PDB file of all heavy atoms in Angstrom:
ATOM      1  N   ALA A   1      -1.604  11.465 -21.217  1.00  0.00           N
ATOM      2  CA  ALA A   1      -2.355  10.865 -20.129  1.00  0.00           C
ATOM      3  C   ALA A   1      -1.701  11.144 -18.831  1.00  0.00           C
ATOM      4  O   ALA A   1      -2.401  11.199 -17.801  1.00  0.00           O
ATOM      5  CB  ALA A   1      -2.408   9.293 -20.356  1.00  0.00           C
ATOM      6  N   ASN A   2      -0.389  11.422 -18.774  1.00  0.00           N
ATOM      7  CA  ASN A   2       0.248  11.727 -17.494  1.00  0.00           C
ATOM      8  C   ASN A   2       0.121  13.226 -17.073  1.00  0.00           C
ATOM      9  O   ASN A   2       0.625  13.592 -16.012  1.00  0.00           O
ATOM     10  CB  ASN A   2       1.791  11.357 -17.552  1.00  0.00           C
ATOM     11  CG  ASN A   2       2.631  12.212 -18.501  1.00  0.00           C
ATOM     12  OD1 ASN A   2       2.013  13.130 -19.192  1.00  0.00           O
ATOM     13  ND2 ASN A   2       3.803  11.969 -18.545  1.00  0.00           N
ATOM     14  N   GLY A   3      -0.474  14.003 -17.966  1.00  0.00           N
ATOM     15  CA  GLY A   3      -0.785  15.436 -17.593  1.00  0.00           C
ATOM     16  C   GLY A   3       0.121  16.390 -18.253  1.00  0.00           C
ATOM     17  O   GLY A   3      -0.076  17.610 -18.351  1.00  0.00           O
ATOM     18  N   ASP A   4       1.269  15.930 -18.972  1.00  0.00           N
ATOM     19  CA  ASP A   4       2.096  16.770 -19.817  1.00  0.00           C
ATOM     20  C   ASP A   4       1.262  17.325 -20.951  1.00  0.00           C
ATOM     21  O   ASP A   4       0.352  16.705 -21.420  1.00  0.00           O
ATOM     22  CB  ASP A   4       3.313  16.034 -20.332  1.00  0.00           C
ATOM     23  CG  ASP A   4       4.271  15.611 -19.315  1.00  0.00           C
ATOM     24  OD1 ASP A   4       4.104  15.996 -18.130  1.00  0.00           O
ATOM     25  OD2 ASP A   4       5.277  14.876 -19.612  1.00  0.00           O
ATOM     26  N   ILE A   5       1.665  18.534 -21.355  1.00  0.00           N
ATOM     27  CA  ILE A   5       0.972  19.209 -22.508  1.00  0.00           C
ATOM     28  C   ILE A   5       1.963  19.767 -23.503  1.00  0.00           C
ATOM     29  O   ILE A   5       2.980  20.401 -23.128  1.00  0.00           O
ATOM     30  CB  ILE A   5       0.100  20.368 -22.035  1.00  0.00           C
ATOM     31  CG1 ILE A   5      -0.977  19.800 -21.003  1.00  0.00           C
ATOM     32  CG2 ILE A   5      -0.525  21.077 -23.180  1.00  0.00           C
ATOM     33  CD1 ILE A   5      -1.724  20.966 -20.333  1.00  0.00           C
ATOM     34  N   TYR A   6       1.741  19.460 -24.821  1.00  0.00           N
ATOM     35  CA  TYR A   6       2.517  20.011 -25.873  1.00  0.00           C
ATOM     36  C   TYR A   6       1.624  20.941 -26.694  1.00  0.00           C
ATOM     37  O   TYR A   6       0.538  20.468 -27.124  1.00  0.00           O
ATOM     38  CB  TYR A   6       3.127  19.017 -26.795  1.00  0.00           C
ATOM     39  CG  TYR A   6       3.686  19.614 -28.060  1.00  0.00           C
ATOM     40  CD1 TYR A   6       4.950  20.295 -27.990  1.00  0.00           C
ATOM     41  CD2 TYR A   6       3.042  19.613 -29.273  1.00  0.00           C
ATOM     42  CE1 TYR A   6       5.492  20.929 -29.151  1.00  0.00           C
ATOM     43  CE2 TYR A   6       3.608  20.150 -30.408  1.00  0.00           C
ATOM     44  CZ  TYR A   6       4.854  20.819 -30.342  1.00  0.00           C
ATOM     45  OH  TYR A   6       5.359  21.375 -31.516  1.00  0.00           O
ATOM     46  N   GLN A   7       1.993  22.196 -26.860  1.00  0.00           N
ATOM     47  CA  GLN A   7       1.255  23.168 -27.744  1.00  0.00           C
ATOM     48  C   GLN A   7       2.146  23.620 -28.809  1.00  0.00           C
ATOM     49  O   GLN A   7       3.250  24.203 -28.461  1.00  0.00           O
ATOM     50  CB  GLN A   7       0.704  24.324 -26.927  1.00  0.00           C
ATOM     51  CG  GLN A   7      -0.298  23.896 -25.890  1.00  0.00           C
ATOM     52  CD  GLN A   7      -0.667  25.181 -25.014  1.00  0.00           C
ATOM     53  OE1 GLN A   7       0.040  25.650 -24.270  1.00  0.00           O
ATOM     54  NE2 GLN A   7      -1.952  25.658 -25.228  1.00  0.00           N
ATOM     55  N   GLY A   8       1.811  23.420 -30.044  1.00  0.00           N
ATOM     56  CA  GLY A   8       2.668  23.913 -31.118  1.00  0.00           C
ATOM     57  C   GLY A   8       2.492  23.254 -32.440  1.00  0.00           C
ATOM     58  O   GLY A   8       1.294  22.807 -32.719  1.00  0.00           O
ATOM     59  N   ASN A   9       3.479  23.291 -33.224  1.00  0.00           N
ATOM     60  CA  ASN A   9       3.391  22.806 -34.638  1.00  0.00           C
ATOM     61  C   ASN A   9       3.625  21.276 -34.712  1.00  0.00           C
ATOM     62  O   ASN A   9       4.375  20.725 -34.018  1.00  0.00           O
ATOM     63  CB  ASN A   9       4.365  23.543 -35.486  1.00  0.00           C
ATOM     64  CG  ASN A   9       4.009  23.421 -36.986  1.00  0.00           C
ATOM     65  OD1 ASN A   9       2.964  23.795 -37.391  1.00  0.00           O
ATOM     66  ND2 ASN A   9       4.954  22.840 -37.718  1.00  0.00           N
ATOM     67  N   TRP A  10       2.869  20.633 -35.671  1.00  0.00           N
ATOM     68  CA  TRP A  10       2.928  19.232 -35.940  1.00  0.00           C
ATOM     69  C   TRP A  10       3.222  19.078 -37.460  1.00  0.00           C
ATOM     70  O   TRP A  10       2.710  19.832 -38.268  1.00  0.00           O
ATOM     71  CB  TRP A  10       1.619  18.524 -35.622  1.00  0.00           C
ATOM     72  CG  TRP A  10       1.353  18.520 -34.146  1.00  0.00           C
ATOM     73  CD1 TRP A  10       0.807  19.538 -33.392  1.00  0.00           C
ATOM     74  CD2 TRP A  10       1.585  17.404 -33.236  1.00  0.00           C
ATOM     75  NE1 TRP A  10       0.686  19.126 -32.109  1.00  0.00           N
ATOM     76  CE2 TRP A  10       1.156  17.838 -31.924  1.00  0.00           C
ATOM     77  CE3 TRP A  10       2.054  16.194 -33.364  1.00  0.00           C
ATOM     78  CZ2 TRP A  10       1.219  17.036 -30.816  1.00  0.00           C
ATOM     79  CZ3 TRP A  10       2.112  15.313 -32.225  1.00  0.00           C
ATOM     80  CH2 TRP A  10       1.727  15.758 -31.046  1.00  0.00           C
ATOM     81  N   GLU A  11       4.054  18.082 -37.787  1.00  0.00           N
ATOM     82  CA  GLU A  11       4.183  17.732 -39.156  1.00  0.00           C
ATOM     83  C   GLU A  11       4.180  16.177 -39.253  1.00  0.00           C
ATOM     84  O   GLU A  11       4.899  15.574 -38.484  1.00  0.00           O
ATOM     85  CB  GLU A  11       5.536  18.227 -39.698  1.00  0.00           C
ATOM     86  CG  GLU A  11       5.531  19.712 -39.935  1.00  0.00           C
ATOM     87  CD  GLU A  11       6.920  20.184 -40.476  1.00  0.00           C
ATOM     88  OE1 GLU A  11       7.636  19.315 -41.065  1.00  0.00           O
ATOM     89  OE2 GLU A  11       7.165  21.308 -40.418  1.00  0.00           O
ATOM     90  N   ASN A  12       3.336  15.700 -40.133  1.00  0.00           N
ATOM     91  CA  ASN A  12       3.339  14.239 -40.385  1.00  0.00           C
ATOM     92  C   ASN A  12       3.165  13.396 -39.091  1.00  0.00           C
ATOM     93  O   ASN A  12       3.914  12.423 -38.897  1.00  0.00           O
ATOM     94  CB  ASN A  12       4.578  13.791 -41.196  1.00  0.00           C
ATOM     95  CG  ASN A  12       4.270  12.572 -41.935  1.00  0.00           C
ATOM     96  OD1 ASN A  12       3.181  12.195 -42.221  1.00  0.00           O
ATOM     97  ND2 ASN A  12       5.377  11.813 -42.197  1.00  0.00           N
ATOM     98  N   ASP A  13       2.218  13.830 -38.195  1.00  0.00           N
ATOM     99  CA  ASP A  13       1.999  13.133 -36.949  1.00  0.00           C
ATOM    100  C   ASP A  13       3.066  13.383 -35.909  1.00  0.00           C
ATOM    101  O   ASP A  13       3.034  12.574 -34.859  1.00  0.00           O
ATOM    102  CB  ASP A  13       1.739  11.703 -37.149  1.00  0.00           C
ATOM    103  CG  ASP A  13       0.240  11.308 -36.848  1.00  0.00           C
ATOM    104  OD1 ASP A  13      -0.483  12.213 -36.537  1.00  0.00           O
ATOM    105  OD2 ASP A  13      -0.042  10.089 -36.962  1.00  0.00           O
ATOM    106  N   LYS A  14       3.964  14.251 -35.977  1.00  0.00           N
ATOM    107  CA  LYS A  14       5.072  14.416 -35.022  1.00  0.00           C
ATOM    108  C   LYS A  14       5.247  15.906 -34.638  1.00  0.00           C
ATOM    109  O   LYS A  14       4.948  16.781 -35.398  1.00  0.00           O
ATOM    110  CB  LYS A  14       6.446  13.951 -35.622  1.00  0.00           C
ATOM    111  CG  LYS A  14       6.440  12.408 -35.833  1.00  0.00           C
ATOM    112  CD  LYS A  14       7.748  11.965 -36.339  1.00  0.00           C
ATOM    113  CE  LYS A  14       7.738  10.446 -36.569  1.00  0.00           C
ATOM    114  NZ  LYS A  14       8.937   9.936 -37.118  1.00  0.00           N
ATOM    115  N   MET A  15       5.645  16.090 -33.325  1.00  0.00           N
ATOM    116  CA  MET A  15       5.927  17.466 -32.922  1.00  0.00           C
ATOM    117  C   MET A  15       7.145  17.911 -33.695  1.00  0.00           C
ATOM    118  O   MET A  15       8.196  17.275 -33.752  1.00  0.00           O
ATOM    119  CB  MET A  15       6.278  17.449 -31.413  1.00  0.00           C
ATOM    120  CG  MET A  15       5.174  16.975 -30.536  1.00  0.00           C
ATOM    121  SD  MET A  15       5.590  16.938 -28.751  1.00  0.00           S
ATOM    122  CE  MET A  15       6.349  15.299 -28.702  1.00  0.00           C
ATOM    123  N   SER A  16       6.900  19.037 -34.424  1.00  0.00           N
ATOM    124  CA  SER A  16       7.921  19.514 -35.298  1.00  0.00           C
ATOM    125  C   SER A  16       7.764  20.988 -35.484  1.00  0.00           C
ATOM    126  O   SER A  16       6.635  21.468 -35.738  1.00  0.00           O
ATOM    127  CB  SER A  16       7.896  18.751 -36.610  1.00  0.00           C
ATOM    128  OG  SER A  16       8.891  19.188 -37.456  1.00  0.00           O
ATOM    129  N   GLY A  17       8.868  21.768 -35.394  1.00  0.00           N
ATOM    130  CA  GLY A  17       8.794  23.207 -35.496  1.00  0.00           C
ATOM    131  C   GLY A  17       8.679  23.847 -34.178  1.00  0.00           C
ATOM    132  O   GLY A  17       9.177  23.294 -33.208  1.00  0.00           O
ATOM    133  N   GLN A  18       8.053  25.024 -34.073  1.00  0.00           N
ATOM    134  CA  GLN A  18       8.034  25.748 -32.789  1.00  0.00           C
ATOM    135  C   GLN A  18       6.881  25.146 -31.901  1.00  0.00           C
ATOM    136  O   GLN A  18       5.841  24.900 -32.327  1.00  0.00           O
ATOM    137  CB  GLN A  18       7.800  27.201 -33.004  1.00  0.00           C
ATOM    138  CG  GLN A  18       8.919  28.012 -33.624  1.00  0.00           C
ATOM    139  CD  GLN A  18      10.133  27.997 -32.759  1.00  0.00           C
ATOM    140  OE1 GLN A  18      10.092  28.304 -31.548  1.00  0.00           O
ATOM    141  NE2 GLN A  18      11.309  27.647 -33.324  1.00  0.00           N
ATOM    142  N   GLY A  19       7.266  25.120 -30.536  1.00  0.00           N
ATOM    143  CA  GLY A  19       6.213  24.617 -29.637  1.00  0.00           C
ATOM    144  C   GLY A  19       6.607  24.818 -28.206  1.00  0.00           C
ATOM    145  O   GLY A  19       7.723  25.250 -27.881  1.00  0.00           O
ATOM    146  N   THR A  20       5.673  24.559 -27.304  1.00  0.00           N
ATOM    147  CA  THR A  20       5.938  24.662 -25.862  1.00  0.00           C
ATOM    148  C   THR A  20       5.511  23.259 -25.225  1.00  0.00           C
ATOM    149  O   THR A  20       4.381  22.838 -25.529  1.00  0.00           O
ATOM    150  CB  THR A  20       5.073  25.756 -25.237  1.00  0.00           C
ATOM    151  OG1 THR A  20       5.472  26.946 -25.845  1.00  0.00           O
ATOM    152  CG2 THR A  20       5.270  25.753 -23.706  1.00  0.00           C
ATOM    153  N   TYR A  21       6.388  22.696 -24.532  1.00  0.00           N
ATOM    154  CA  TYR A  21       6.110  21.436 -23.817  1.00  0.00           C
ATOM    155  C   TYR A  21       6.112  21.791 -22.293  1.00  0.00           C
ATOM    156  O   TYR A  21       7.133  22.263 -21.754  1.00  0.00           O
ATOM    157  CB  TYR A  21       7.182  20.411 -24.109  1.00  0.00           C
ATOM    158  CG  TYR A  21       6.740  19.034 -23.688  1.00  0.00           C
ATOM    159  CD1 TYR A  21       6.313  18.114 -24.559  1.00  0.00           C
ATOM    160  CD2 TYR A  21       6.794  18.650 -22.313  1.00  0.00           C
ATOM    161  CE1 TYR A  21       5.949  16.837 -24.228  1.00  0.00           C
ATOM    162  CE2 TYR A  21       6.521  17.388 -21.916  1.00  0.00           C
ATOM    163  CZ  TYR A  21       5.983  16.425 -22.875  1.00  0.00           C
ATOM    164  OH  TYR A  21       5.600  15.221 -22.534  1.00  0.00           O
ATOM    165  N   THR A  22       4.976  21.584 -21.664  1.00  0.00           N
ATOM    166  CA  THR A  22       4.822  21.819 -20.223  1.00  0.00           C
ATOM    167  C   THR A  22       4.642  20.487 -19.507  1.00  0.00           C
ATOM    168  O   THR A  22       3.670  19.724 -19.766  1.00  0.00           O
ATOM    169  CB  THR A  22       3.651  22.699 -19.918  1.00  0.00           C
ATOM    170  OG1 THR A  22       3.791  23.863 -20.759  1.00  0.00           O
ATOM    171  CG2 THR A  22       3.502  23.033 -18.459  1.00  0.00           C
ATOM    172  N   PHE A  23       5.626  20.207 -18.564  1.00  0.00           N
ATOM    173  CA  PHE A  23       5.554  18.962 -17.772  1.00  0.00           C
ATOM    174  C   PHE A  23       4.464  19.163 -16.705  1.00  0.00           C
ATOM    175  O   PHE A  23       4.223  20.220 -16.254  1.00  0.00           O
ATOM    176  CB  PHE A  23       6.935  18.581 -17.157  1.00  0.00           C
ATOM    177  CG  PHE A  23       7.921  18.243 -18.287  1.00  0.00           C
ATOM    178  CD1 PHE A  23       8.734  19.208 -18.850  1.00  0.00           C
ATOM    179  CD2 PHE A  23       8.150  16.938 -18.633  1.00  0.00           C
ATOM    180  CE1 PHE A  23       9.618  18.865 -19.832  1.00  0.00           C
ATOM    181  CE2 PHE A  23       9.078  16.597 -19.531  1.00  0.00           C
ATOM    182  CZ  PHE A  23       9.799  17.520 -20.229  1.00  0.00           C
ATOM    183  N   VAL A  24       3.980  18.022 -16.186  1.00  0.00           N
ATOM    184  CA  VAL A  24       2.956  18.057 -15.247  1.00  0.00           C
ATOM    185  C   VAL A  24       3.535  18.797 -13.899  1.00  0.00           C
ATOM    186  O   VAL A  24       2.703  19.414 -13.134  1.00  0.00           O
ATOM    187  CB  VAL A  24       2.372  16.689 -14.897  1.00  0.00           C
ATOM    188  CG1 VAL A  24       3.440  15.833 -14.176  1.00  0.00           C
ATOM    189  CG2 VAL A  24       1.065  16.749 -14.113  1.00  0.00           C
ATOM    190  N   ASN A  25       4.801  18.768 -13.649  1.00  0.00           N
ATOM    191  CA  ASN A  25       5.348  19.394 -12.468  1.00  0.00           C
ATOM    192  C   ASN A  25       5.619  20.933 -12.714  1.00  0.00           C
ATOM    193  O   ASN A  25       6.088  21.562 -11.774  1.00  0.00           O
ATOM    194  CB  ASN A  25       6.628  18.782 -12.059  1.00  0.00           C
ATOM    195  CG  ASN A  25       7.808  18.927 -13.016  1.00  0.00           C
ATOM    196  OD1 ASN A  25       7.646  19.620 -14.026  1.00  0.00           O
ATOM    197  ND2 ASN A  25       8.938  18.346 -12.698  1.00  0.00           N
ATOM    198  N   GLY A  26       5.268  21.457 -13.872  1.00  0.00           N
ATOM    199  CA  GLY A  26       5.467  22.862 -14.176  1.00  0.00           C
ATOM    200  C   GLY A  26       6.659  23.226 -14.922  1.00  0.00           C
ATOM    201  O   GLY A  26       6.806  24.347 -15.472  1.00  0.00           O
TER     202      GLY A  26
END
């Protein structure tokens, strides 16, 4: 909701494994 974005792997409803987290400020 704040604009941050996570793209990557999920396991059992959680961010887990390889991914990219981009904060709203870049």
